[in-house]
N, C-alpha and C. Protein backbone atom coordinates (compact mmCIF):
# COMPACT_ATOMS: atom_id res chain seq x y z
N MET A 1 27.86 8.78 13.71
CA MET A 1 27.18 9.40 12.63
C MET A 1 27.44 10.87 12.65
N ASN A 2 27.68 11.26 11.28
CA ASN A 2 28.21 12.70 11.22
C ASN A 2 26.80 13.31 10.84
N GLY A 3 25.95 13.68 11.74
CA GLY A 3 24.71 14.40 11.46
C GLY A 3 24.22 15.01 12.56
N LEU A 4 23.17 16.08 12.50
CA LEU A 4 22.71 16.70 13.59
C LEU A 4 21.41 15.89 13.91
N ARG A 5 21.36 15.52 15.13
CA ARG A 5 20.16 14.75 15.69
C ARG A 5 19.19 15.96 16.36
N SER A 6 18.06 15.80 15.99
CA SER A 6 17.08 16.90 16.50
C SER A 6 15.90 15.92 17.31
N GLU A 7 16.05 15.93 18.64
CA GLU A 7 15.06 15.05 19.29
C GLU A 7 13.66 15.77 19.30
N PRO A 8 12.89 14.59 18.86
CA PRO A 8 11.30 14.96 18.71
C PRO A 8 10.76 15.79 19.85
N ASP A 9 9.61 16.23 19.69
CA ASP A 9 8.87 16.88 20.70
C ASP A 9 8.23 16.00 21.57
N GLU A 10 7.73 16.63 22.74
CA GLU A 10 7.07 15.78 23.86
C GLU A 10 6.11 15.00 23.51
N GLY A 11 4.97 15.62 22.48
CA GLY A 11 3.83 14.88 21.91
C GLY A 11 4.41 13.59 21.33
N LEU A 12 5.20 13.67 20.45
CA LEU A 12 5.93 12.60 19.73
C LEU A 12 6.41 11.51 20.65
N ASN A 13 7.20 12.02 21.64
CA ASN A 13 7.60 10.99 22.68
C ASN A 13 6.50 10.24 23.47
N ARG A 14 5.38 11.04 23.84
CA ARG A 14 4.23 10.40 24.29
C ARG A 14 3.57 9.38 23.49
N LEU A 15 3.33 9.69 22.39
CA LEU A 15 2.88 8.82 21.26
C LEU A 15 3.87 7.56 21.20
N THR A 16 5.15 7.84 21.04
CA THR A 16 6.05 6.60 21.05
C THR A 16 5.92 5.70 22.28
N GLU A 17 5.73 6.21 23.41
CA GLU A 17 5.46 5.44 24.64
C GLU A 17 4.07 4.52 24.56
N MET A 18 3.20 5.30 23.98
CA MET A 18 1.88 4.68 23.79
C MET A 18 2.05 3.44 22.84
N VAL A 19 2.77 3.70 21.75
CA VAL A 19 2.95 2.58 20.59
C VAL A 19 3.83 1.46 21.28
N ILE A 20 4.61 1.73 22.20
CA ILE A 20 5.64 0.70 22.78
C ILE A 20 4.61 -0.13 23.73
N GLY A 21 3.88 0.59 24.49
CA GLY A 21 2.88 -0.13 25.24
C GLY A 21 1.96 -1.11 24.48
N ALA A 22 1.61 -0.69 23.30
CA ALA A 22 0.87 -1.50 22.34
C ALA A 22 1.48 -2.85 21.81
N ALA A 23 2.90 -2.48 21.52
CA ALA A 23 3.85 -3.64 21.07
C ALA A 23 3.80 -4.48 22.18
N MET A 24 4.12 -4.07 23.29
CA MET A 24 4.34 -4.97 24.67
C MET A 24 3.04 -5.98 24.78
N GLU A 25 1.98 -5.30 24.71
CA GLU A 25 0.63 -5.92 24.78
C GLU A 25 0.61 -7.13 23.66
N VAL A 26 1.04 -6.87 22.43
CA VAL A 26 0.96 -7.76 21.37
C VAL A 26 1.94 -8.75 21.63
N HIS A 27 3.29 -8.44 22.23
CA HIS A 27 4.08 -9.63 22.64
C HIS A 27 3.52 -10.55 23.86
N ARG A 28 2.93 -9.84 24.68
CA ARG A 28 2.54 -10.65 25.95
C ARG A 28 1.53 -11.77 25.38
N GLU A 29 0.73 -11.23 24.43
CA GLU A 29 -0.45 -12.17 23.91
C GLU A 29 0.24 -13.21 23.13
N LEU A 30 1.13 -12.92 22.19
CA LEU A 30 1.67 -13.75 21.14
C LEU A 30 3.04 -14.61 21.56
N GLY A 31 3.82 -13.71 22.30
CA GLY A 31 5.23 -14.34 22.67
C GLY A 31 6.08 -14.23 21.35
N PRO A 32 7.33 -14.63 21.46
CA PRO A 32 8.15 -14.88 20.25
C PRO A 32 7.97 -15.97 19.61
N GLY A 33 8.34 -15.95 18.35
CA GLY A 33 8.47 -17.25 17.44
C GLY A 33 7.66 -17.23 16.31
N LEU A 34 6.70 -16.29 15.99
CA LEU A 34 5.99 -16.33 14.89
C LEU A 34 6.48 -15.38 13.73
N LEU A 35 5.97 -15.38 12.53
CA LEU A 35 6.34 -14.56 11.44
C LEU A 35 6.00 -13.10 11.63
N GLU A 36 6.81 -12.31 10.87
CA GLU A 36 6.58 -10.89 11.20
C GLU A 36 5.13 -10.40 10.79
N THR A 37 4.73 -11.02 9.75
CA THR A 37 3.20 -10.49 9.50
C THR A 37 2.20 -10.69 10.43
N PHE A 38 2.45 -11.73 11.18
CA PHE A 38 1.45 -11.82 12.25
C PHE A 38 1.54 -10.73 13.45
N TYR A 39 2.72 -10.41 13.74
CA TYR A 39 3.03 -9.34 14.65
C TYR A 39 2.44 -7.98 13.88
N GLU A 40 2.75 -7.75 12.85
CA GLU A 40 2.06 -6.47 12.27
C GLU A 40 0.75 -6.34 12.21
N GLN A 41 0.10 -7.36 11.85
CA GLN A 41 -1.55 -7.57 11.86
C GLN A 41 -1.99 -7.37 13.43
N ALA A 42 -1.08 -7.92 14.28
CA ALA A 42 -1.81 -7.83 15.68
C ALA A 42 -1.52 -6.35 16.13
N LEU A 43 -0.39 -5.72 15.99
CA LEU A 43 -0.11 -4.55 16.33
C LEU A 43 -1.11 -3.48 15.69
N CYS A 44 -1.73 -3.65 14.48
CA CYS A 44 -2.57 -2.79 13.81
C CYS A 44 -3.91 -3.03 14.56
N VAL A 45 -4.18 -4.15 15.05
CA VAL A 45 -5.42 -4.58 15.72
C VAL A 45 -5.46 -3.55 17.07
N GLU A 46 -4.22 -3.74 17.92
CA GLU A 46 -3.90 -3.04 19.05
C GLU A 46 -4.15 -1.55 18.80
N LEU A 47 -3.16 -0.81 17.89
CA LEU A 47 -3.22 0.50 17.60
C LEU A 47 -4.59 1.05 17.49
N ALA A 48 -5.48 0.22 16.55
CA ALA A 48 -6.65 0.61 16.28
C ALA A 48 -7.80 0.67 17.56
N ALA A 49 -7.58 -0.41 18.30
CA ALA A 49 -8.37 -0.55 19.54
C ALA A 49 -8.17 0.63 20.62
N GLN A 50 -6.74 0.99 20.60
CA GLN A 50 -6.39 2.19 21.62
C GLN A 50 -6.55 3.47 20.70
N GLY A 51 -7.21 3.54 19.59
CA GLY A 51 -7.63 4.88 18.85
C GLY A 51 -6.24 5.64 18.41
N ILE A 52 -5.24 4.90 18.18
CA ILE A 52 -3.96 5.54 17.61
C ILE A 52 -4.15 5.49 15.84
N ALA A 53 -3.92 6.56 15.37
CA ALA A 53 -4.01 6.67 14.03
C ALA A 53 -2.68 6.02 13.31
N PHE A 54 -2.91 5.32 12.32
CA PHE A 54 -1.78 4.65 11.66
C PHE A 54 -2.05 4.30 10.16
N SER A 55 -1.13 4.05 9.44
CA SER A 55 -1.14 3.50 8.13
C SER A 55 -0.16 2.44 7.91
N ARG A 56 -0.84 1.29 7.24
CA ARG A 56 0.10 0.15 7.03
C ARG A 56 0.50 0.00 5.74
N GLN A 57 1.95 -0.62 5.54
CA GLN A 57 2.56 -0.79 4.22
C GLN A 57 2.69 0.56 3.40
N VAL A 58 3.19 1.62 4.13
CA VAL A 58 3.13 2.99 3.48
C VAL A 58 4.22 2.88 2.31
N GLY A 59 3.92 3.37 1.23
CA GLY A 59 5.02 3.36 0.12
C GLY A 59 5.67 4.74 0.15
N VAL A 60 6.99 4.44 -0.06
CA VAL A 60 7.94 5.65 -0.03
C VAL A 60 8.73 5.67 -1.26
N ARG A 61 8.74 6.57 -2.14
CA ARG A 61 9.56 6.73 -3.34
C ARG A 61 11.02 6.92 -2.93
N VAL A 62 11.84 6.10 -3.80
CA VAL A 62 13.21 6.24 -3.85
C VAL A 62 13.79 6.87 -4.78
N PHE A 63 14.81 8.00 -4.52
CA PHE A 63 15.28 8.82 -5.69
C PHE A 63 16.85 8.52 -5.68
N TYR A 64 17.35 8.64 -6.86
CA TYR A 64 18.86 8.72 -6.99
C TYR A 64 19.26 9.91 -7.89
N LYS A 65 19.89 10.78 -7.36
CA LYS A 65 20.31 12.12 -7.79
C LYS A 65 19.05 12.71 -8.47
N GLY A 66 17.96 12.84 -7.78
CA GLY A 66 16.63 13.46 -8.21
C GLY A 66 15.81 12.60 -9.19
N THR A 67 16.21 11.49 -9.61
CA THR A 67 15.37 10.51 -10.37
C THR A 67 14.68 9.41 -9.70
N PRO A 68 13.46 9.24 -9.75
CA PRO A 68 12.98 8.10 -8.94
C PRO A 68 13.23 6.85 -9.51
N ILE A 69 13.84 5.98 -8.66
CA ILE A 69 14.39 4.46 -9.06
C ILE A 69 13.42 3.26 -8.61
N GLY A 70 12.48 3.70 -7.73
CA GLY A 70 11.62 2.64 -7.18
C GLY A 70 10.70 3.15 -5.93
N GLU A 71 10.12 2.20 -5.46
CA GLU A 71 9.43 2.44 -4.23
C GLU A 71 9.58 1.30 -3.28
N SER A 72 9.65 1.59 -2.01
CA SER A 72 9.92 0.63 -1.00
C SER A 72 8.65 0.86 -0.04
N ARG A 73 8.38 -0.13 0.94
CA ARG A 73 7.17 0.00 1.76
C ARG A 73 7.66 -0.10 3.18
N MET A 74 7.24 0.96 4.06
CA MET A 74 7.56 0.91 5.29
C MET A 74 6.34 0.14 6.26
N ASP A 75 6.58 -0.60 7.30
CA ASP A 75 5.65 -1.61 7.80
C ASP A 75 4.46 -0.64 8.19
N ILE A 76 4.72 0.22 9.12
CA ILE A 76 3.57 1.02 9.87
C ILE A 76 4.10 2.44 9.96
N VAL A 77 3.24 3.39 9.71
CA VAL A 77 3.60 4.80 10.06
C VAL A 77 2.42 5.26 10.99
N VAL A 78 2.63 5.58 12.24
CA VAL A 78 1.78 6.23 13.25
C VAL A 78 1.63 7.86 13.14
N ALA A 79 0.55 8.19 13.05
CA ALA A 79 0.16 9.51 13.31
C ALA A 79 1.08 10.57 12.26
N GLU A 80 1.43 9.90 11.02
CA GLU A 80 2.16 10.38 9.94
C GLU A 80 3.66 11.05 10.64
N SER A 81 4.09 10.45 11.71
CA SER A 81 5.26 10.95 12.29
C SER A 81 6.11 9.90 12.73
N LEU A 82 5.78 8.71 12.95
CA LEU A 82 6.54 7.80 13.65
C LEU A 82 6.55 6.41 12.91
N LEU A 83 7.65 6.11 12.30
CA LEU A 83 8.01 4.78 11.63
C LEU A 83 8.18 3.65 12.58
N LEU A 84 7.28 2.55 12.33
CA LEU A 84 7.54 1.21 13.13
C LEU A 84 8.17 0.28 11.97
N GLU A 85 9.34 -0.22 12.21
CA GLU A 85 9.82 -1.26 11.40
C GLU A 85 9.83 -2.59 12.02
N LEU A 86 9.26 -3.50 11.62
CA LEU A 86 8.99 -4.80 12.52
C LEU A 86 9.63 -5.79 12.10
N LYS A 87 10.17 -6.66 12.96
CA LYS A 87 10.98 -7.73 12.70
C LYS A 87 10.67 -9.03 13.74
N ALA A 88 11.01 -10.24 13.14
CA ALA A 88 10.92 -11.33 13.98
C ALA A 88 12.08 -12.12 13.56
N SER A 89 13.27 -11.63 13.89
CA SER A 89 14.60 -12.50 13.71
C SER A 89 15.32 -12.76 15.15
N ASP A 90 16.51 -13.28 14.70
CA ASP A 90 17.39 -13.57 15.81
C ASP A 90 18.05 -12.41 16.26
N GLY A 91 17.70 -11.24 16.23
CA GLY A 91 18.45 -10.04 16.75
C GLY A 91 18.30 -8.92 15.76
N HIS A 92 18.93 -7.79 16.09
CA HIS A 92 18.98 -6.52 15.30
C HIS A 92 20.25 -6.78 14.67
N SER A 93 20.29 -6.78 13.30
CA SER A 93 21.42 -6.65 12.56
C SER A 93 21.66 -5.19 12.09
N PRO A 94 22.89 -4.94 11.64
CA PRO A 94 23.28 -3.64 11.13
C PRO A 94 22.38 -3.31 10.03
N LEU A 95 21.99 -4.45 9.04
CA LEU A 95 21.14 -3.96 7.94
C LEU A 95 19.60 -3.47 8.44
N HIS A 96 19.17 -4.06 9.52
CA HIS A 96 17.88 -3.68 10.03
C HIS A 96 18.05 -2.07 10.27
N MET A 97 19.05 -1.72 11.05
CA MET A 97 19.10 -0.29 11.46
C MET A 97 19.46 0.58 10.28
N ALA A 98 20.14 0.07 9.33
CA ALA A 98 20.33 0.79 7.82
C ALA A 98 19.10 0.99 7.11
N GLN A 99 18.12 0.12 7.38
CA GLN A 99 16.95 0.09 6.69
C GLN A 99 16.16 1.15 7.32
N VAL A 100 15.99 1.16 8.52
CA VAL A 100 15.24 2.30 9.32
C VAL A 100 15.78 3.72 8.89
N LEU A 101 17.22 3.72 9.12
CA LEU A 101 17.82 5.15 8.77
C LEU A 101 17.29 5.60 7.35
N SER A 102 17.33 4.39 6.40
CA SER A 102 17.00 4.91 5.09
C SER A 102 15.42 5.41 4.79
N TYR A 103 14.82 4.60 5.50
CA TYR A 103 13.40 4.91 5.49
C TYR A 103 13.11 6.25 6.16
N LEU A 104 13.90 6.73 7.15
CA LEU A 104 13.62 8.02 7.77
C LEU A 104 14.17 8.91 6.92
N LYS A 105 15.20 8.80 6.56
CA LYS A 105 15.77 9.79 5.33
C LYS A 105 14.76 10.03 4.29
N THR A 106 14.31 8.96 3.55
CA THR A 106 13.69 9.17 2.34
C THR A 106 12.25 9.70 2.71
N SER A 107 11.55 9.16 3.85
CA SER A 107 10.25 9.68 4.25
C SER A 107 10.40 10.96 4.83
N ARG A 108 11.39 11.28 5.15
CA ARG A 108 11.56 12.60 6.01
C ARG A 108 10.84 12.54 7.64
N LEU A 109 10.52 11.50 8.03
CA LEU A 109 9.95 11.29 9.38
C LEU A 109 10.90 11.43 10.30
N PRO A 110 10.41 11.98 11.57
CA PRO A 110 11.54 12.41 12.51
C PRO A 110 11.97 11.43 13.32
N LEU A 111 11.04 10.07 13.43
CA LEU A 111 11.48 9.20 14.62
C LEU A 111 11.17 7.76 14.14
N GLY A 112 11.97 6.79 14.36
CA GLY A 112 11.37 5.55 14.06
C GLY A 112 11.76 4.48 15.26
N LEU A 113 10.92 3.44 15.15
CA LEU A 113 11.16 2.27 16.28
C LEU A 113 11.39 0.98 15.44
N LEU A 114 12.67 0.39 15.63
CA LEU A 114 12.75 -0.75 15.03
C LEU A 114 12.55 -1.74 16.16
N ILE A 115 11.37 -2.64 16.06
CA ILE A 115 10.96 -3.59 17.10
C ILE A 115 11.12 -5.07 16.66
N ASN A 116 11.80 -5.82 17.30
CA ASN A 116 11.97 -7.15 17.09
C ASN A 116 11.19 -8.02 18.02
N PHE A 117 10.17 -8.67 17.70
CA PHE A 117 9.43 -9.52 18.45
C PHE A 117 9.93 -10.73 18.84
N ASN A 118 10.99 -11.20 18.26
CA ASN A 118 11.63 -12.62 18.51
C ASN A 118 12.56 -12.35 19.61
N VAL A 119 12.17 -11.88 20.88
CA VAL A 119 12.93 -11.88 21.93
C VAL A 119 11.99 -12.21 23.19
N PRO A 120 12.81 -12.80 24.34
CA PRO A 120 11.88 -13.02 25.49
C PRO A 120 11.33 -11.88 26.15
N VAL A 121 12.03 -10.80 26.17
CA VAL A 121 11.49 -9.43 26.76
C VAL A 121 11.56 -8.44 25.86
N LEU A 122 10.32 -7.92 25.43
CA LEU A 122 10.32 -7.01 24.25
C LEU A 122 11.04 -5.73 24.41
N ARG A 123 11.21 -5.25 25.52
CA ARG A 123 11.99 -3.98 25.76
C ARG A 123 13.43 -4.16 25.21
N ARG A 124 13.95 -5.31 25.32
CA ARG A 124 15.39 -5.57 24.87
C ARG A 124 15.44 -5.78 23.16
N GLY A 125 14.17 -5.72 22.61
CA GLY A 125 14.03 -5.81 21.31
C GLY A 125 13.55 -4.63 20.51
N ILE A 126 13.63 -3.43 21.15
CA ILE A 126 13.18 -2.12 20.66
C ILE A 126 14.32 -1.31 20.60
N LYS A 127 14.48 -0.61 19.37
CA LYS A 127 15.61 0.44 19.41
C LYS A 127 14.84 1.61 18.70
N ARG A 128 15.12 2.84 19.43
CA ARG A 128 14.75 3.99 18.94
C ARG A 128 15.59 4.79 18.26
N VAL A 129 15.07 5.25 16.99
CA VAL A 129 15.99 5.83 16.15
C VAL A 129 15.41 7.10 15.63
N VAL A 130 16.32 8.28 15.94
CA VAL A 130 16.02 9.63 15.46
C VAL A 130 16.73 10.00 14.16
N ARG A 131 15.99 10.59 13.23
CA ARG A 131 16.54 10.77 11.98
C ARG A 131 17.68 11.97 12.20
N THR A 132 18.67 11.81 11.46
CA THR A 132 19.90 12.67 11.58
C THR A 132 19.62 13.48 10.21
N ARG A 133 20.20 14.63 10.59
CA ARG A 133 20.23 15.76 9.41
C ARG A 133 21.58 16.31 9.09
N SER A 134 21.73 16.56 7.91
CA SER A 134 23.00 17.28 7.61
C SER A 134 23.32 18.46 8.15
N PRO A 135 24.53 18.70 8.59
CA PRO A 135 24.87 20.15 9.21
C PRO A 135 24.67 21.21 8.40
């Protein structure tokens, strides 16, 4: 990509590790093979149990040349700084990554996690995405 990547601060990186731990707990309990909505609900239960602030199904307005053209919904936003885009599919597709990048750009959030719960080992289903900025 032709953009500048600005690594998030240490606090956001620690938060990201806590969220990954929460997602791993959900995966340990539920395993692969369920619908995305079940993982989203379970992850919200786990985040709340750990005292991690989050918002679910966060609306983000989409603009075209300064004109609003609609609204999209991000699965979970943690501490107003970390996007969680959840999937329960046969793997990460380029479309999933494009979706995360678009959400980061539109919302101006610095960091996102694309988490696919439909894998035997969750670590293999997690992609960390840093928002790129134009030079």
